Amino acid sequence: MRKPRLGLNKGMKYSDQIKPFNFVMTCHVKPFGFPFRADPERFHLIAPYDMDSRNWLKARWFDEYSGEEYGITTARPTGDRYTARVKTYGEVIEEYEFHAESKCADPFGDECSKDTRGLLQRRRVKISEIKFIGKESNSLEQVEAGMIHDRRRVYAEYEDPKRSAWVTKILPAIRKAKPALLISGCRDFLSSRALRDIRAGRSKPHRKNREKLIALVTKLKLI
């Protein structure tokens, strides 16, 4: 569990409390089913394990991030301030039947959608950049399952300075751009001298100016 004091054990006998290596239950919230003011990217319900499904709608469910207690329902289209509208088994199975297969292409070579029909084929892959990631990527299956909502939580990136997107894509695009167009497009945030240093590789702009430069060369269709 993310927080040690979620309140799951409050008022419970020791034999009924959650302890290390115990099981917990989780559920999947429907789109637009999150409680009011809850952040969908930082909201995940868990509850003490109970094999009897008749008790699940009455159980005490806790948000893993905030520790707040919520109820769950399957009887209405949306949640409310204290209740989340969660998916039933039937809804999960129905979504799976029509989910998009991101690893495959349709019969015409385009990316699959949930409405794709016909014999699927391998997608063509074009390498844009190389990134090194840690073994935390083993948890990506939990991201796909909806148990973890932010991919950045499950893997660490280790960037090779010699192979970064700035070196392999952005800087070459800046150097291909006509100086007059660069100066005109950057006059509000970079001086012409700063642009010369960037083009020559003598300096690198800070994040905000880097994002503006990327937007400019993208607009110029250089990347």
C-alpha atoms as a PDB file:
ATOM      1  CA  MET A   1       0.000   0.000   0.000  1.00  0.00           C
ATOM      2  CA  ARG A   2       1.136   3.529  -0.752  1.00  0.00           C
ATOM      3  CA  LYS A   3       0.159   5.017   2.609  1.00  0.00           C
ATOM      4  CA  PRO A   4       0.616   3.184   5.923  1.00  0.00           C
ATOM      5  CA  ARG A   5      -2.342   4.872   7.599  1.00  0.00           C
ATOM      6  CA  LEU A   6      -5.236   4.392   5.209  1.00  0.00           C
ATOM      7  CA  GLY A   7      -7.610   3.525   8.028  1.00  0.00           C
ATOM      8  CA  LEU A   8      -8.384   0.057   6.721  1.00  0.00           C
ATOM      9  CA  ASN A   9      -7.640  -1.531  10.110  1.00  0.00           C
ATOM     10  CA  LYS A  10      -9.502   1.011  12.195  1.00  0.00           C
ATOM     11  CA  GLY A  11     -11.972  -0.652  14.564  1.00  0.00           C
ATOM     12  CA  MET A  12     -11.098  -4.161  13.382  1.00  0.00           C
ATOM     13  CA  LYS A  13      -9.889  -7.119  15.444  1.00  0.00           C
ATOM     14  CA  TYR A  14      -6.258  -8.044  14.882  1.00  0.00           C
ATOM     15  CA  SER A  15      -7.252 -11.275  13.154  1.00  0.00           C
ATOM     16  CA  ASP A  16      -9.301  -9.272  10.638  1.00  0.00           C
ATOM     17  CA  GLN A  17      -6.731  -6.528  10.003  1.00  0.00           C
ATOM     18  CA  ILE A  18      -4.674  -6.174   6.842  1.00  0.00           C
ATOM     19  CA  LYS A  19      -1.075  -7.220   7.440  1.00  0.00           C
ATOM     20  CA  PRO A  20       2.027  -7.565   5.248  1.00  0.00           C
ATOM     21  CA  PHE A  21       1.499 -10.071   2.408  1.00  0.00           C
ATOM     22  CA  ASN A  22      -2.297 -10.089   2.906  1.00  0.00           C
ATOM     23  CA  PHE A  23      -4.589  -9.729  -0.109  1.00  0.00           C
ATOM     24  CA  VAL A  24      -6.754  -6.690  -0.885  1.00  0.00           C
ATOM     25  CA  MET A  25      -9.495  -6.108  -3.441  1.00  0.00           C
ATOM     26  CA  THR A  26      -9.538  -3.444  -6.103  1.00  0.00           C
ATOM     27  CA  CYS A  27     -12.069  -2.276  -8.681  1.00  0.00           C
ATOM     28  CA  HIS A  28     -12.105  -0.328 -11.948  1.00  0.00           C
ATOM     29  CA  VAL A  29     -13.958   2.985 -12.133  1.00  0.00           C
ATOM     30  CA  LYS A  30     -16.037   3.702 -15.231  1.00  0.00           C
ATOM     31  CA  PRO A  31     -15.304   6.806 -17.313  1.00  0.00           C
ATOM     32  CA  PHE A  32     -17.111   9.733 -15.647  1.00  0.00           C
ATOM     33  CA  GLY A  33     -17.675   7.493 -12.634  1.00  0.00           C
ATOM     34  CA  PHE A  34     -15.101   9.119 -10.370  1.00  0.00           C
ATOM     35  CA  PRO A  35     -16.314  10.916  -7.232  1.00  0.00           C
ATOM     36  CA  PHE A  36     -16.628  14.677  -7.574  1.00  0.00           C
ATOM     37  CA  ARG A  37     -13.278  16.523  -7.255  1.00  0.00           C
ATOM     38  CA  ALA A  38     -11.298  13.254  -7.476  1.00  0.00           C
ATOM     39  CA  ASP A  39      -8.307  13.278  -9.821  1.00  0.00           C
ATOM     40  CA  PRO A  40      -8.695  10.298 -12.202  1.00  0.00           C
ATOM     41  CA  GLU A  41      -4.897  10.078 -12.527  1.00  0.00           C
ATOM     42  CA  ARG A  42      -4.471   9.781  -8.761  1.00  0.00           C
ATOM     43  CA  PHE A  43      -7.425   7.707  -7.626  1.00  0.00           C
ATOM     44  CA  HIS A  44      -7.410   3.975  -6.958  1.00  0.00           C
ATOM     45  CA  LEU A  45      -9.799   2.121  -4.667  1.00  0.00           C
ATOM     46  CA  ILE A  46      -8.837  -0.832  -2.487  1.00  0.00           C
ATOM     47  CA  ALA A  47     -10.689  -2.748   0.246  1.00  0.00           C
ATOM     48  CA  PRO A  48     -10.065  -5.666   2.627  1.00  0.00           C
ATOM     49  CA  TYR A  49     -10.266  -8.983   0.797  1.00  0.00           C
ATOM     50  CA  ASP A  50     -13.671 -10.670   0.896  1.00  0.00           C
ATOM     51  CA  MET A  51     -14.571 -13.752  -1.158  1.00  0.00           C
ATOM     52  CA  ASP A  52     -18.314 -13.094  -0.832  1.00  0.00           C
ATOM     53  CA  SER A  53     -19.274 -10.771  -3.707  1.00  0.00           C
ATOM     54  CA  ARG A  54     -22.548  -9.941  -1.956  1.00  0.00           C
ATOM     55  CA  ASN A  55     -20.561  -7.801   0.486  1.00  0.00           C
ATOM     56  CA  TRP A  56     -18.557  -5.798  -2.067  1.00  0.00           C
ATOM     57  CA  LEU A  57     -21.087  -2.998  -2.567  1.00  0.00           C
ATOM     58  CA  LYS A  58     -21.309  -2.547   1.216  1.00  0.00           C
ATOM     59  CA  ALA A  59     -17.554  -2.730   1.896  1.00  0.00           C
ATOM     60  CA  ARG A  60     -15.358   0.155   3.050  1.00  0.00           C
ATOM     61  CA  TRP A  61     -13.298   1.245   0.017  1.00  0.00           C
ATOM     62  CA  PHE A  62     -10.305   3.545   0.383  1.00  0.00           C
ATOM     63  CA  ASP A  63      -8.496   5.697  -2.149  1.00  0.00           C
ATOM     64  CA  GLU A  64      -4.878   4.501  -2.207  1.00  0.00           C
ATOM     65  CA  TYR A  65      -3.601   8.056  -2.770  1.00  0.00           C
ATOM     66  CA  SER A  66      -5.610  10.188  -0.331  1.00  0.00           C
ATOM     67  CA  GLY A  67      -6.749   7.596   2.215  1.00  0.00           C
ATOM     68  CA  GLU A  68     -10.340   8.898   1.921  1.00  0.00           C
ATOM     69  CA  GLU A  69     -13.182   6.403   2.303  1.00  0.00           C
ATOM     70  CA  TYR A  70     -15.737   5.963  -0.503  1.00  0.00           C
ATOM     71  CA  GLY A  71     -18.659   3.780  -1.392  1.00  0.00           C
ATOM     72  CA  ILE A  72     -19.132   2.083  -4.756  1.00  0.00           C
ATOM     73  CA  THR A  73     -22.160   1.509  -6.942  1.00  0.00           C
ATOM     74  CA  THR A  74     -23.044  -0.212 -10.222  1.00  0.00           C
ATOM     75  CA  ALA A  75     -26.594   1.118 -10.359  1.00  0.00           C
ATOM     76  CA  ARG A  76     -26.201   4.582 -11.901  1.00  0.00           C
ATOM     77  CA  PRO A  77     -24.186   6.120 -14.755  1.00  0.00           C
ATOM     78  CA  THR A  78     -21.933   8.408 -12.666  1.00  0.00           C
ATOM     79  CA  GLY A  79     -20.471   8.743  -9.191  1.00  0.00           C
ATOM     80  CA  ASP A  80     -21.188  11.445  -6.639  1.00  0.00           C
ATOM     81  CA  ARG A  81     -19.267  13.163  -3.869  1.00  0.00           C
ATOM     82  CA  TYR A  82     -18.833  10.033  -1.756  1.00  0.00           C
ATOM     83  CA  THR A  83     -19.416   7.231  -4.269  1.00  0.00           C
ATOM     84  CA  ALA A  84     -17.598   5.861  -7.309  1.00  0.00           C
ATOM     85  CA  ARG A  85     -19.422   4.178 -10.184  1.00  0.00           C
ATOM     86  CA  VAL A  86     -17.375   1.037 -10.829  1.00  0.00           C
ATOM     87  CA  LYS A  87     -17.437  -1.474 -13.687  1.00  0.00           C
ATOM     88  CA  THR A  88     -19.227  -4.778 -13.410  1.00  0.00           C
ATOM     89  CA  TYR A  89     -17.652  -8.015 -14.655  1.00  0.00           C
ATOM     90  CA  GLY A  90     -20.003  -7.833 -17.635  1.00  0.00           C
ATOM     91  CA  GLU A  91     -18.834  -4.337 -18.549  1.00  0.00           C
ATOM     92  CA  VAL A  92     -15.167  -5.345 -18.284  1.00  0.00           C
ATOM     93  CA  ILE A  93     -15.757  -8.342 -20.587  1.00  0.00           C
ATOM     94  CA  GLU A  94     -17.723  -6.214 -23.058  1.00  0.00           C
ATOM     95  CA  GLU A  95     -14.919  -3.630 -23.206  1.00  0.00           C
ATOM     96  CA  TYR A  96     -12.339  -6.360 -23.739  1.00  0.00           C
ATOM     97  CA  GLU A  97     -14.237  -7.730 -26.726  1.00  0.00           C
ATOM     98  CA  PHE A  98     -14.020  -4.377 -28.509  1.00  0.00           C
ATOM     99  CA  HIS A  99     -10.722  -3.028 -27.186  1.00  0.00           C
ATOM    100  CA  ALA A 100      -8.170  -1.756 -29.712  1.00  0.00           C
ATOM    101  CA  GLU A 101      -5.121  -3.956 -30.346  1.00  0.00           C
ATOM    102  CA  SER A 102      -2.301  -1.412 -30.312  1.00  0.00           C
ATOM    103  CA  LYS A 103       0.366  -3.967 -31.284  1.00  0.00           C
ATOM    104  CA  CYS A 104      -1.262  -4.804 -34.621  1.00  0.00           C
ATOM    105  CA  ALA A 105      -2.314  -3.039 -37.805  1.00  0.00           C
ATOM    106  CA  ASP A 106      -5.573  -3.466 -39.714  1.00  0.00           C
ATOM    107  CA  PRO A 107      -5.727  -5.099 -43.188  1.00  0.00           C
ATOM    108  CA  PHE A 108      -4.659  -1.760 -44.757  1.00  0.00           C
ATOM    109  CA  GLY A 109      -1.633  -1.270 -42.478  1.00  0.00           C
ATOM    110  CA  ASP A 110      -3.249   1.422 -40.329  1.00  0.00           C
ATOM    111  CA  GLU A 111      -3.453   1.400 -36.532  1.00  0.00           C
ATOM    112  CA  CYS A 112      -6.267  -0.727 -35.145  1.00  0.00           C
ATOM    113  CA  SER A 113      -9.310   0.808 -33.517  1.00  0.00           C
ATOM    114  CA  LYS A 114     -12.080  -0.847 -31.537  1.00  0.00           C
ATOM    115  CA  ASP A 115     -14.112  -1.143 -34.772  1.00  0.00           C
ATOM    116  CA  THR A 116     -11.359  -2.848 -36.823  1.00  0.00           C
ATOM    117  CA  ARG A 117     -12.445  -5.976 -38.693  1.00  0.00           C
ATOM    118  CA  GLY A 118     -10.470  -8.504 -40.716  1.00  0.00           C
ATOM    119  CA  LEU A 119      -7.076 -10.185 -40.549  1.00  0.00           C
ATOM    120  CA  LEU A 120      -4.625  -8.195 -38.454  1.00  0.00           C
ATOM    121  CA  GLN A 121      -0.950  -7.792 -39.327  1.00  0.00           C
ATOM    122  CA  ARG A 122       2.254  -6.586 -37.724  1.00  0.00           C
ATOM    123  CA  ARG A 123       2.617  -2.811 -37.425  1.00  0.00           C
ATOM    124  CA  ARG A 124       5.584  -1.169 -39.075  1.00  0.00           C
ATOM    125  CA  VAL A 125       7.906   0.369 -36.520  1.00  0.00           C
ATOM    126  CA  LYS A 126      10.124   3.357 -37.198  1.00  0.00           C
ATOM    127  CA  ILE A 127      12.752   4.089 -34.547  1.00  0.00           C
ATOM    128  CA  SER A 128      12.563   7.714 -33.485  1.00  0.00           C
ATOM    129  CA  GLU A 129      14.882   7.660 -30.485  1.00  0.00           C
ATOM    130  CA  ILE A 130      16.393   5.196 -28.036  1.00  0.00           C
ATOM    131  CA  LYS A 131      15.685   5.430 -24.313  1.00  0.00           C
ATOM    132  CA  PHE A 132      16.941   3.229 -21.518  1.00  0.00           C
ATOM    133  CA  ILE A 133      14.428   2.290 -18.828  1.00  0.00           C
ATOM    134  CA  GLY A 134      14.723   0.425 -15.548  1.00  0.00           C
ATOM    135  CA  LYS A 135      13.238  -2.943 -14.626  1.00  0.00           C
ATOM    136  CA  GLU A 136      10.257  -1.097 -13.105  1.00  0.00           C
ATOM    137  CA  SER A 137       8.762  -1.499 -16.593  1.00  0.00           C
ATOM    138  CA  ASN A 138       7.607  -4.936 -15.407  1.00  0.00           C
ATOM    139  CA  SER A 139       4.630  -3.089 -13.907  1.00  0.00           C
ATOM    140  CA  LEU A 140       3.442  -1.796 -17.285  1.00  0.00           C
ATOM    141  CA  GLU A 141       0.872  -4.608 -17.378  1.00  0.00           C
ATOM    142  CA  GLN A 142      -0.722  -3.011 -14.321  1.00  0.00           C
ATOM    143  CA  VAL A 143      -0.926   0.271 -16.243  1.00  0.00           C
ATOM    144  CA  GLU A 144      -2.690  -1.475 -19.126  1.00  0.00           C
ATOM    145  CA  ALA A 145      -5.063  -3.114 -16.636  1.00  0.00           C
ATOM    146  CA  GLY A 146      -5.973   0.280 -15.172  1.00  0.00           C
ATOM    147  CA  MET A 147      -4.523  -0.455 -11.731  1.00  0.00           C
ATOM    148  CA  ILE A 148      -1.828   2.190 -12.175  1.00  0.00           C
ATOM    149  CA  HIS A 149      -2.955   5.332 -13.974  1.00  0.00           C
ATOM    150  CA  ASP A 150       0.351   7.060 -14.688  1.00  0.00           C
ATOM    151  CA  ARG A 151       3.090   5.275 -16.672  1.00  0.00           C
ATOM    152  CA  ARG A 152       5.726   7.569 -15.149  1.00  0.00           C
ATOM    153  CA  ARG A 153       5.212   5.794 -11.808  1.00  0.00           C
ATOM    154  CA  VAL A 154       6.349   2.408 -13.051  1.00  0.00           C
ATOM    155  CA  TYR A 155       9.591   3.007 -14.895  1.00  0.00           C
ATOM    156  CA  ALA A 156      12.645   5.227 -14.676  1.00  0.00           C
ATOM    157  CA  GLU A 157      14.210   6.626 -17.842  1.00  0.00           C
ATOM    158  CA  TYR A 158      17.962   6.885 -18.232  1.00  0.00           C
ATOM    159  CA  GLU A 159      18.812   9.239 -21.064  1.00  0.00           C
ATOM    160  CA  ASP A 160      22.036   8.886 -23.008  1.00  0.00           C
ATOM    161  CA  PRO A 161      23.174  12.507 -23.615  1.00  0.00           C
ATOM    162  CA  LYS A 162      24.644  11.481 -26.962  1.00  0.00           C
ATOM    163  CA  ARG A 163      21.353   9.935 -28.133  1.00  0.00           C
ATOM    164  CA  SER A 164      18.821  12.308 -26.608  1.00  0.00           C
ATOM    165  CA  ALA A 165      15.957  13.659 -28.703  1.00  0.00           C
ATOM    166  CA  TRP A 166      17.575  17.088 -28.487  1.00  0.00           C
ATOM    167  CA  VAL A 167      20.787  15.836 -30.120  1.00  0.00           C
ATOM    168  CA  THR A 168      19.257  13.459 -32.679  1.00  0.00           C
ATOM    169  CA  LYS A 169      16.120  15.348 -33.735  1.00  0.00           C
ATOM    170  CA  ILE A 170      15.632  18.849 -32.397  1.00  0.00           C
ATOM    171  CA  LEU A 171      19.075  20.380 -32.904  1.00  0.00           C
ATOM    172  CA  PRO A 172      19.414  19.075 -36.500  1.00  0.00           C
ATOM    173  CA  ALA A 173      15.962  20.544 -37.250  1.00  0.00           C
ATOM    174  CA  ILE A 174      17.008  23.916 -35.801  1.00  0.00           C
ATOM    175  CA  ARG A 175      20.125  23.889 -37.958  1.00  0.00           C
ATOM    176  CA  LYS A 176      18.047  23.150 -41.071  1.00  0.00           C
ATOM    177  CA  ALA A 177      15.753  26.123 -40.445  1.00  0.00           C
ATOM    178  CA  LYS A 178      16.440  29.409 -42.203  1.00  0.00           C
ATOM    179  CA  PRO A 179      18.054  31.855 -39.703  1.00  0.00           C
ATOM    180  CA  ALA A 180      15.570  34.594 -40.586  1.00  0.00           C
ATOM    181  CA  LEU A 181      12.608  32.350 -39.777  1.00  0.00           C
ATOM    182  CA  LEU A 182      14.181  31.275 -36.485  1.00  0.00           C
ATOM    183  CA  ILE A 183      14.933  34.821 -35.398  1.00  0.00           C
ATOM    184  CA  SER A 184      11.412  35.935 -36.321  1.00  0.00           C
ATOM    185  CA  GLY A 185       9.784  33.009 -34.504  1.00  0.00           C
ATOM    186  CA  CYS A 186      11.944  33.310 -31.364  1.00  0.00           C
ATOM    187  CA  ARG A 187      12.150  37.083 -30.978  1.00  0.00           C
ATOM    188  CA  ASP A 188       9.830  37.021 -27.939  1.00  0.00           C
ATOM    189  CA  PHE A 189      11.946  34.605 -25.892  1.00  0.00           C
ATOM    190  CA  LEU A 190      15.447  34.253 -27.415  1.00  0.00           C
ATOM    191  CA  SER A 191      17.949  36.766 -28.742  1.00  0.00           C
ATOM    192  CA  SER A 192      19.716  36.245 -32.062  1.00  0.00           C
ATOM    193  CA  ARG A 193      22.990  35.712 -30.177  1.00  0.00           C
ATOM    194  CA  ALA A 194      21.392  33.005 -28.015  1.00  0.00           C
ATOM    195  CA  LEU A 195      20.085  31.324 -31.179  1.00  0.00           C
ATOM    196  CA  ARG A 196      23.564  31.309 -32.717  1.00  0.00           C
ATOM    197  CA  ASP A 197      24.981  29.640 -29.601  1.00  0.00           C
ATOM    198  CA  ILE A 198      22.204  27.033 -29.649  1.00  0.00           C
ATOM    199  CA  ARG A 199      22.705  26.257 -33.355  1.00  0.00           C
ATOM    200  CA  ALA A 200      26.428  25.895 -32.795  1.00  0.00           C
ATOM    201  CA  GLY A 201      25.878  23.522 -29.871  1.00  0.00           C
ATOM    202  CA  ARG A 202      27.548  25.872 -27.397  1.00  0.00           C
ATOM    203  CA  SER A 203      24.451  26.148 -25.198  1.00  0.00           C
ATOM    204  CA  LYS A 204      21.095  24.496 -24.572  1.00  0.00           C
ATOM    205  CA  PRO A 205      17.930  26.480 -23.737  1.00  0.00           C
ATOM    206  CA  HIS A 206      16.049  25.850 -20.512  1.00  0.00           C
ATOM    207  CA  ARG A 207      12.894  23.725 -20.593  1.00  0.00           C
ATOM    208  CA  LYS A 208      10.292  26.393 -21.459  1.00  0.00           C
ATOM    209  CA  ASN A 209      12.352  27.894 -24.288  1.00  0.00           C
ATOM    210  CA  ARG A 210      13.232  24.397 -25.490  1.00  0.00           C
ATOM    211  CA  GLU A 211       9.521  23.546 -25.728  1.00  0.00           C
ATOM    212  CA  LYS A 212       8.901  26.761 -27.700  1.00  0.00           C
ATOM    213  CA  LEU A 213      11.740  25.932 -30.076  1.00  0.00           C
ATOM    214  CA  ILE A 214      10.355  22.429 -30.590  1.00  0.00           C
ATOM    215  CA  ALA A 215       6.918  23.884 -31.337  1.00  0.00           C
ATOM    216  CA  LEU A 216       8.483  26.269 -33.853  1.00  0.00           C
ATOM    217  CA  VAL A 217      10.444  23.654 -35.830  1.00  0.00           C
ATOM    218  CA  THR A 218       7.381  21.392 -35.726  1.00  0.00           C
ATOM    219  CA  LYS A 219       5.304  24.206 -37.190  1.00  0.00           C
ATOM    220  CA  LEU A 220       7.957  24.659 -39.888  1.00  0.00           C
ATOM    221  CA  LYS A 221       7.588  20.898 -40.628  1.00  0.00           C
ATOM    222  CA  LEU A 222      11.254  20.204 -39.978  1.00  0.00           C
ATOM    223  CA  ILE A 223      10.520  17.301 -37.615  1.00  0.00           C
END
